[in-house]
């Protein structure tokens, strides 16, 4: 995991979240496990949270069903943005998935999902 930030309710996702370098080693399991742990340890402040996963890779989806169930128990929405990957790479992990070829232009539905307060 290269970038971690807690965004308060009504605050937009920081643009810096989309400007991280890529270097391989994608572990969606580790990223989502960490995000859910943060939410679990801050139950009042982070209830009804969204987790935004931005990745240019995929992971073995073996643990995806358990993590999605954990997210549901915590009332967490998992949003995935795949960069240059197929929808199939994120569908097992996330309740809402979008893909783009690059980040130079995000169409309106994707931008709204990520940045709307």
N, C-alpha and C. Protein backbone atom coordinates (compact mmCIF):
# COMPACT_ATOMS: atom_id res chain seq x y z
N UNK A 1 0.85 -1.16 0.00
CA UNK A 1 0.00 0.00 0.00
C UNK A 1 0.91 1.23 0.00
N UNK A 2 0.61 2.16 -0.90
CA UNK A 2 1.48 3.31 -1.05
C UNK A 2 0.88 4.60 -0.52
N UNK A 3 -0.43 4.63 -0.35
CA UNK A 3 -1.07 5.88 0.07
C UNK A 3 -2.25 5.55 0.96
N UNK A 4 -2.31 6.22 2.08
CA UNK A 4 -3.40 5.99 3.03
C UNK A 4 -3.83 7.34 3.59
N UNK A 5 -5.13 7.60 3.56
CA UNK A 5 -5.65 8.84 4.12
C UNK A 5 -7.07 8.60 4.62
N UNK A 6 -7.41 9.21 5.74
CA UNK A 6 -8.78 9.18 6.25
C UNK A 6 -9.42 10.50 5.87
N UNK A 7 -10.50 10.43 5.11
CA UNK A 7 -11.21 11.63 4.66
C UNK A 7 -12.47 11.77 5.51
N UNK A 8 -12.64 12.92 6.11
CA UNK A 8 -13.79 13.16 6.98
C UNK A 8 -15.08 13.26 6.15
N UNK A 9 -16.22 13.00 6.79
CA UNK A 9 -17.50 13.12 6.07
C UNK A 9 -17.63 14.48 5.39
N UNK A 10 -18.16 14.46 4.21
CA UNK A 10 -18.40 15.61 3.32
C UNK A 10 -17.14 16.16 2.67
N UNK A 11 -15.96 15.67 3.03
CA UNK A 11 -14.74 16.11 2.36
C UNK A 11 -14.53 15.28 1.10
N UNK A 12 -14.04 15.89 0.02
CA UNK A 12 -13.76 15.13 -1.19
C UNK A 12 -12.48 14.31 -1.04
N UNK A 13 -12.36 13.29 -1.85
CA UNK A 13 -11.13 12.50 -1.89
C UNK A 13 -10.00 13.39 -2.41
N UNK A 14 -8.86 13.43 -1.73
CA UNK A 14 -7.77 14.28 -2.20
C UNK A 14 -7.23 13.83 -3.55
N UNK A 15 -6.95 14.79 -4.42
CA UNK A 15 -6.40 14.46 -5.73
C UNK A 15 -5.07 13.72 -5.60
N UNK A 16 -4.33 13.98 -4.54
CA UNK A 16 -3.06 13.29 -4.33
C UNK A 16 -3.23 11.79 -4.27
N UNK A 17 -4.43 11.34 -3.91
CA UNK A 17 -4.69 9.90 -3.85
C UNK A 17 -4.58 9.26 -5.22
N UNK A 18 -4.81 10.04 -6.27
CA UNK A 18 -4.74 9.51 -7.62
C UNK A 18 -3.40 9.77 -8.29
N UNK A 19 -2.47 10.37 -7.58
CA UNK A 19 -1.19 10.75 -8.18
C UNK A 19 -0.03 9.95 -7.58
N UNK A 20 -0.28 8.74 -7.20
CA UNK A 20 0.75 7.89 -6.62
C UNK A 20 1.42 7.06 -7.71
N UNK A 21 2.71 6.88 -7.59
CA UNK A 21 3.44 6.08 -8.55
C UNK A 21 3.09 4.61 -8.44
N UNK A 22 3.29 3.91 -9.52
CA UNK A 22 3.01 2.47 -9.57
C UNK A 22 4.33 1.72 -9.57
N UNK A 23 4.37 0.62 -8.86
CA UNK A 23 5.62 -0.12 -8.82
C UNK A 23 5.44 -1.60 -8.63
N UNK A 24 4.25 -2.10 -8.89
CA UNK A 24 4.02 -3.54 -8.75
C UNK A 24 3.72 -3.92 -7.31
N UNK A 25 3.52 -5.21 -7.12
CA UNK A 25 3.26 -5.72 -5.79
C UNK A 25 1.85 -5.50 -5.29
N UNK A 26 0.88 -5.49 -6.18
CA UNK A 26 -0.50 -5.26 -5.79
C UNK A 26 -0.97 -6.32 -4.81
N UNK A 27 -1.50 -5.88 -3.67
CA UNK A 27 -2.13 -6.76 -2.71
C UNK A 27 -3.44 -6.12 -2.27
N UNK A 28 -4.50 -6.43 -3.02
CA UNK A 28 -5.81 -5.87 -2.70
C UNK A 28 -6.25 -6.35 -1.32
N UNK A 29 -5.98 -7.60 -1.02
CA UNK A 29 -6.32 -8.15 0.30
C UNK A 29 -5.73 -7.29 1.41
N UNK A 30 -4.44 -6.99 1.33
CA UNK A 30 -3.78 -6.22 2.39
C UNK A 30 -4.36 -4.81 2.49
N UNK A 31 -4.62 -4.18 1.35
CA UNK A 31 -5.16 -2.81 1.37
C UNK A 31 -6.55 -2.77 1.99
N UNK A 32 -7.42 -3.69 1.58
CA UNK A 32 -8.78 -3.69 2.12
C UNK A 32 -8.81 -4.13 3.58
N UNK A 33 -7.97 -5.08 3.95
CA UNK A 33 -7.89 -5.49 5.35
C UNK A 33 -7.49 -4.31 6.22
N UNK A 34 -6.50 -3.55 5.78
CA UNK A 34 -6.04 -2.37 6.53
C UNK A 34 -7.16 -1.33 6.63
N UNK A 35 -7.83 -1.06 5.52
CA UNK A 35 -8.91 -0.07 5.52
C UNK A 35 -10.02 -0.47 6.48
N UNK A 36 -10.42 -1.73 6.44
CA UNK A 36 -11.50 -2.19 7.31
C UNK A 36 -11.08 -2.17 8.78
N UNK A 37 -9.81 -2.43 9.04
CA UNK A 37 -9.30 -2.37 10.42
C UNK A 37 -9.36 -0.94 10.95
N UNK A 38 -8.99 0.03 10.12
CA UNK A 38 -9.07 1.43 10.54
C UNK A 38 -10.51 1.79 10.87
N UNK A 39 -11.44 1.41 10.01
CA UNK A 39 -12.85 1.72 10.22
C UNK A 39 -13.37 1.03 11.47
N UNK A 40 -12.98 -0.21 11.66
CA UNK A 40 -13.44 -0.98 12.82
C UNK A 40 -12.96 -0.35 14.13
N UNK A 41 -11.77 0.22 14.13
CA UNK A 41 -11.23 0.81 15.36
C UNK A 41 -11.69 2.25 15.59
N UNK A 42 -12.44 2.81 14.65
CA UNK A 42 -13.02 4.15 14.78
C UNK A 42 -14.51 4.07 14.45
N UNK A 43 -15.29 3.28 15.20
CA UNK A 43 -16.67 3.00 14.79
C UNK A 43 -17.58 4.21 14.73
N UNK A 44 -17.47 5.15 15.65
CA UNK A 44 -18.36 6.31 15.61
C UNK A 44 -18.01 7.26 14.49
N UNK A 45 -16.73 7.59 14.41
CA UNK A 45 -16.29 8.59 13.44
C UNK A 45 -16.37 8.11 12.00
N UNK A 46 -16.26 6.82 11.78
CA UNK A 46 -16.18 6.32 10.40
C UNK A 46 -17.34 5.41 10.01
N UNK A 47 -18.47 5.49 10.72
CA UNK A 47 -19.58 4.65 10.32
C UNK A 47 -20.10 5.13 8.96
N UNK A 48 -20.65 4.22 8.20
CA UNK A 48 -21.11 4.50 6.83
C UNK A 48 -19.96 5.01 5.96
N UNK A 49 -18.83 4.36 6.05
CA UNK A 49 -17.64 4.78 5.31
C UNK A 49 -17.61 4.22 3.90
N UNK A 50 -16.81 4.87 3.07
CA UNK A 50 -16.47 4.36 1.75
C UNK A 50 -14.98 4.08 1.75
N UNK A 51 -14.59 2.99 1.10
CA UNK A 51 -13.19 2.72 0.85
C UNK A 51 -13.01 2.83 -0.66
N UNK A 52 -12.05 3.66 -1.08
CA UNK A 52 -11.76 3.82 -2.50
C UNK A 52 -10.44 3.12 -2.78
N UNK A 53 -10.51 2.07 -3.58
CA UNK A 53 -9.33 1.30 -3.95
C UNK A 53 -8.95 1.70 -5.37
N UNK A 54 -7.76 2.26 -5.53
CA UNK A 54 -7.25 2.64 -6.84
C UNK A 54 -6.07 1.74 -7.13
N UNK A 55 -6.13 0.99 -8.23
CA UNK A 55 -5.07 0.03 -8.52
C UNK A 55 -4.87 -0.16 -10.02
N UNK A 56 -3.65 -0.54 -10.36
CA UNK A 56 -3.36 -0.90 -11.75
C UNK A 56 -3.05 -2.39 -11.84
N UNK A 57 -3.46 -3.14 -10.85
CA UNK A 57 -3.19 -4.57 -10.83
C UNK A 57 -4.35 -5.35 -10.24
N UNK A 58 -4.12 -6.61 -10.07
CA UNK A 58 -5.12 -7.49 -9.49
C UNK A 58 -4.48 -8.39 -8.46
N UNK A 59 -5.31 -9.12 -7.75
CA UNK A 59 -4.84 -10.05 -6.72
C UNK A 59 -5.67 -11.31 -6.78
N UNK A 60 -5.14 -12.36 -6.19
CA UNK A 60 -5.89 -13.61 -6.04
C UNK A 60 -7.14 -13.30 -5.22
N UNK A 61 -8.35 -13.55 -5.77
CA UNK A 61 -9.58 -13.15 -5.10
C UNK A 61 -10.09 -14.12 -4.04
N UNK A 62 -9.27 -15.05 -3.57
CA UNK A 62 -9.72 -16.05 -2.61
C UNK A 62 -10.36 -15.44 -1.37
N UNK A 63 -9.78 -14.37 -0.85
CA UNK A 63 -10.30 -13.77 0.38
C UNK A 63 -11.35 -12.68 0.13
N UNK A 64 -11.65 -12.40 -1.13
CA UNK A 64 -12.59 -11.31 -1.46
C UNK A 64 -13.97 -11.49 -0.82
N UNK A 65 -14.59 -12.67 -0.88
CA UNK A 65 -15.92 -12.80 -0.28
C UNK A 65 -15.94 -12.48 1.22
N UNK A 66 -14.94 -12.93 1.94
CA UNK A 66 -14.89 -12.66 3.38
C UNK A 66 -14.70 -11.17 3.66
N UNK A 67 -13.87 -10.51 2.86
CA UNK A 67 -13.66 -9.07 3.06
C UNK A 67 -14.91 -8.27 2.70
N UNK A 68 -15.62 -8.69 1.67
CA UNK A 68 -16.87 -7.99 1.32
C UNK A 68 -17.91 -8.17 2.43
N UNK A 69 -17.96 -9.36 3.02
CA UNK A 69 -18.88 -9.59 4.14
C UNK A 69 -18.50 -8.72 5.33
N UNK A 70 -17.21 -8.62 5.60
CA UNK A 70 -16.74 -7.77 6.70
C UNK A 70 -17.12 -6.32 6.44
N UNK A 71 -16.98 -5.88 5.20
CA UNK A 71 -17.36 -4.51 4.84
C UNK A 71 -18.85 -4.29 5.05
N UNK A 72 -19.66 -5.24 4.64
CA UNK A 72 -21.11 -5.13 4.82
C UNK A 72 -21.48 -5.03 6.30
N UNK A 73 -20.83 -5.85 7.13
CA UNK A 73 -21.09 -5.79 8.58
C UNK A 73 -20.78 -4.41 9.16
N UNK A 74 -19.77 -3.76 8.59
CA UNK A 74 -19.36 -2.44 9.07
C UNK A 74 -20.10 -1.31 8.35
N UNK A 75 -21.00 -1.66 7.44
CA UNK A 75 -21.75 -0.68 6.64
C UNK A 75 -20.80 0.16 5.78
N UNK A 76 -19.81 -0.52 5.18
CA UNK A 76 -18.79 0.12 4.36
C UNK A 76 -19.05 -0.19 2.89
N UNK A 77 -18.94 0.83 2.06
CA UNK A 77 -19.02 0.65 0.61
C UNK A 77 -17.60 0.56 0.07
N UNK A 78 -17.34 -0.45 -0.75
CA UNK A 78 -16.03 -0.63 -1.37
C UNK A 78 -16.12 -0.19 -2.83
N UNK A 79 -15.42 0.89 -3.17
CA UNK A 79 -15.39 1.43 -4.52
C UNK A 79 -14.04 1.11 -5.15
N UNK A 80 -14.05 0.58 -6.37
CA UNK A 80 -12.81 0.25 -7.04
C UNK A 80 -12.61 1.05 -8.30
N UNK A 81 -11.41 1.56 -8.50
CA UNK A 81 -11.03 2.22 -9.74
C UNK A 81 -9.81 1.49 -10.28
N UNK A 82 -10.01 0.75 -11.36
CA UNK A 82 -8.92 0.03 -11.99
C UNK A 82 -8.33 0.85 -13.12
N UNK A 83 -7.02 0.95 -13.15
CA UNK A 83 -6.33 1.72 -14.18
C UNK A 83 -5.65 0.74 -15.12
N UNK A 84 -6.19 0.63 -16.32
CA UNK A 84 -5.61 -0.27 -17.31
C UNK A 84 -5.82 -1.74 -17.00
N UNK A 85 -6.83 -2.05 -16.19
CA UNK A 85 -7.17 -3.45 -15.89
C UNK A 85 -8.64 -3.68 -16.22
N UNK A 86 -9.02 -4.93 -16.32
CA UNK A 86 -10.41 -5.25 -16.63
C UNK A 86 -11.28 -5.13 -15.38
N UNK A 87 -12.58 -5.02 -15.60
CA UNK A 87 -13.52 -5.01 -14.48
C UNK A 87 -13.38 -6.25 -13.62
N UNK A 88 -13.05 -7.38 -14.26
CA UNK A 88 -12.93 -8.65 -13.54
C UNK A 88 -11.86 -8.61 -12.44
N UNK A 89 -10.87 -7.74 -12.58
CA UNK A 89 -9.81 -7.66 -11.57
C UNK A 89 -10.34 -7.13 -10.24
N UNK A 90 -11.39 -6.29 -10.28
CA UNK A 90 -11.89 -5.66 -9.05
C UNK A 90 -13.28 -6.12 -8.64
N UNK A 91 -14.03 -6.70 -9.56
CA UNK A 91 -15.41 -7.10 -9.26
C UNK A 91 -15.53 -8.00 -8.03
N UNK A 92 -14.63 -8.97 -7.82
CA UNK A 92 -14.77 -9.80 -6.61
C UNK A 92 -14.61 -9.01 -5.31
N UNK A 93 -13.89 -7.92 -5.37
CA UNK A 93 -13.53 -7.16 -4.18
C UNK A 93 -14.47 -6.01 -3.85
N UNK A 94 -15.02 -5.36 -4.86
CA UNK A 94 -15.70 -4.08 -4.67
C UNK A 94 -17.16 -4.13 -5.07
N UNK A 95 -17.98 -3.33 -4.37
CA UNK A 95 -19.40 -3.27 -4.68
C UNK A 95 -19.68 -2.37 -5.88
N UNK A 96 -18.79 -1.45 -6.16
CA UNK A 96 -18.91 -0.59 -7.34
C UNK A 96 -17.53 -0.51 -7.98
N UNK A 97 -17.46 -0.78 -9.29
CA UNK A 97 -16.17 -0.82 -9.98
C UNK A 97 -16.23 0.04 -11.24
N UNK A 98 -15.17 0.80 -11.44
CA UNK A 98 -14.99 1.57 -12.67
C UNK A 98 -13.58 1.28 -13.17
N UNK A 99 -13.40 1.35 -14.48
CA UNK A 99 -12.06 1.19 -15.03
C UNK A 99 -11.79 2.32 -16.02
N UNK A 100 -10.53 2.68 -16.11
CA UNK A 100 -10.06 3.68 -17.06
C UNK A 100 -8.75 3.18 -17.64
N UNK A 101 -8.38 3.71 -18.80
CA UNK A 101 -7.09 3.36 -19.38
C UNK A 101 -5.96 4.16 -18.73
N UNK A 102 -6.25 5.41 -18.38
CA UNK A 102 -5.30 6.25 -17.66
C UNK A 102 -6.08 7.32 -16.91
N UNK A 103 -5.40 8.13 -16.15
CA UNK A 103 -6.07 9.12 -15.31
C UNK A 103 -6.09 10.52 -15.91
N UNK A 104 -5.74 10.65 -17.19
CA UNK A 104 -5.72 11.98 -17.78
C UNK A 104 -7.11 12.55 -17.92
N UNK A 105 -8.10 11.70 -18.16
CA UNK A 105 -9.49 12.15 -18.28
C UNK A 105 -10.40 11.16 -17.59
N UNK A 106 -11.10 11.62 -16.57
CA UNK A 106 -12.10 10.78 -15.91
C UNK A 106 -13.46 11.24 -16.39
N UNK A 107 -14.28 10.32 -16.88
CA UNK A 107 -15.60 10.74 -17.32
C UNK A 107 -16.46 11.10 -16.11
N UNK A 108 -17.56 11.79 -16.36
CA UNK A 108 -18.39 12.34 -15.29
C UNK A 108 -18.86 11.31 -14.27
N UNK A 109 -19.38 10.13 -14.68
CA UNK A 109 -19.83 9.17 -13.67
C UNK A 109 -18.71 8.70 -12.73
N UNK A 110 -17.53 8.49 -13.28
CA UNK A 110 -16.41 8.06 -12.44
C UNK A 110 -15.99 9.18 -11.49
N UNK A 111 -15.85 10.39 -12.02
CA UNK A 111 -15.46 11.52 -11.18
C UNK A 111 -16.48 11.75 -10.07
N UNK A 112 -17.75 11.62 -10.38
CA UNK A 112 -18.80 11.80 -9.37
C UNK A 112 -18.68 10.74 -8.29
N UNK A 113 -18.47 9.48 -8.68
CA UNK A 113 -18.34 8.40 -7.70
C UNK A 113 -17.17 8.64 -6.75
N UNK A 114 -16.08 9.17 -7.28
CA UNK A 114 -14.88 9.34 -6.47
C UNK A 114 -14.84 10.64 -5.68
N UNK A 115 -15.33 11.72 -6.25
CA UNK A 115 -15.10 13.03 -5.64
C UNK A 115 -16.34 13.74 -5.13
N UNK A 116 -17.53 13.24 -5.40
CA UNK A 116 -18.73 13.93 -4.92
C UNK A 116 -18.83 13.81 -3.40
N UNK A 117 -19.15 14.88 -2.77
CA UNK A 117 -19.24 14.88 -1.31
C UNK A 117 -20.58 14.35 -0.87
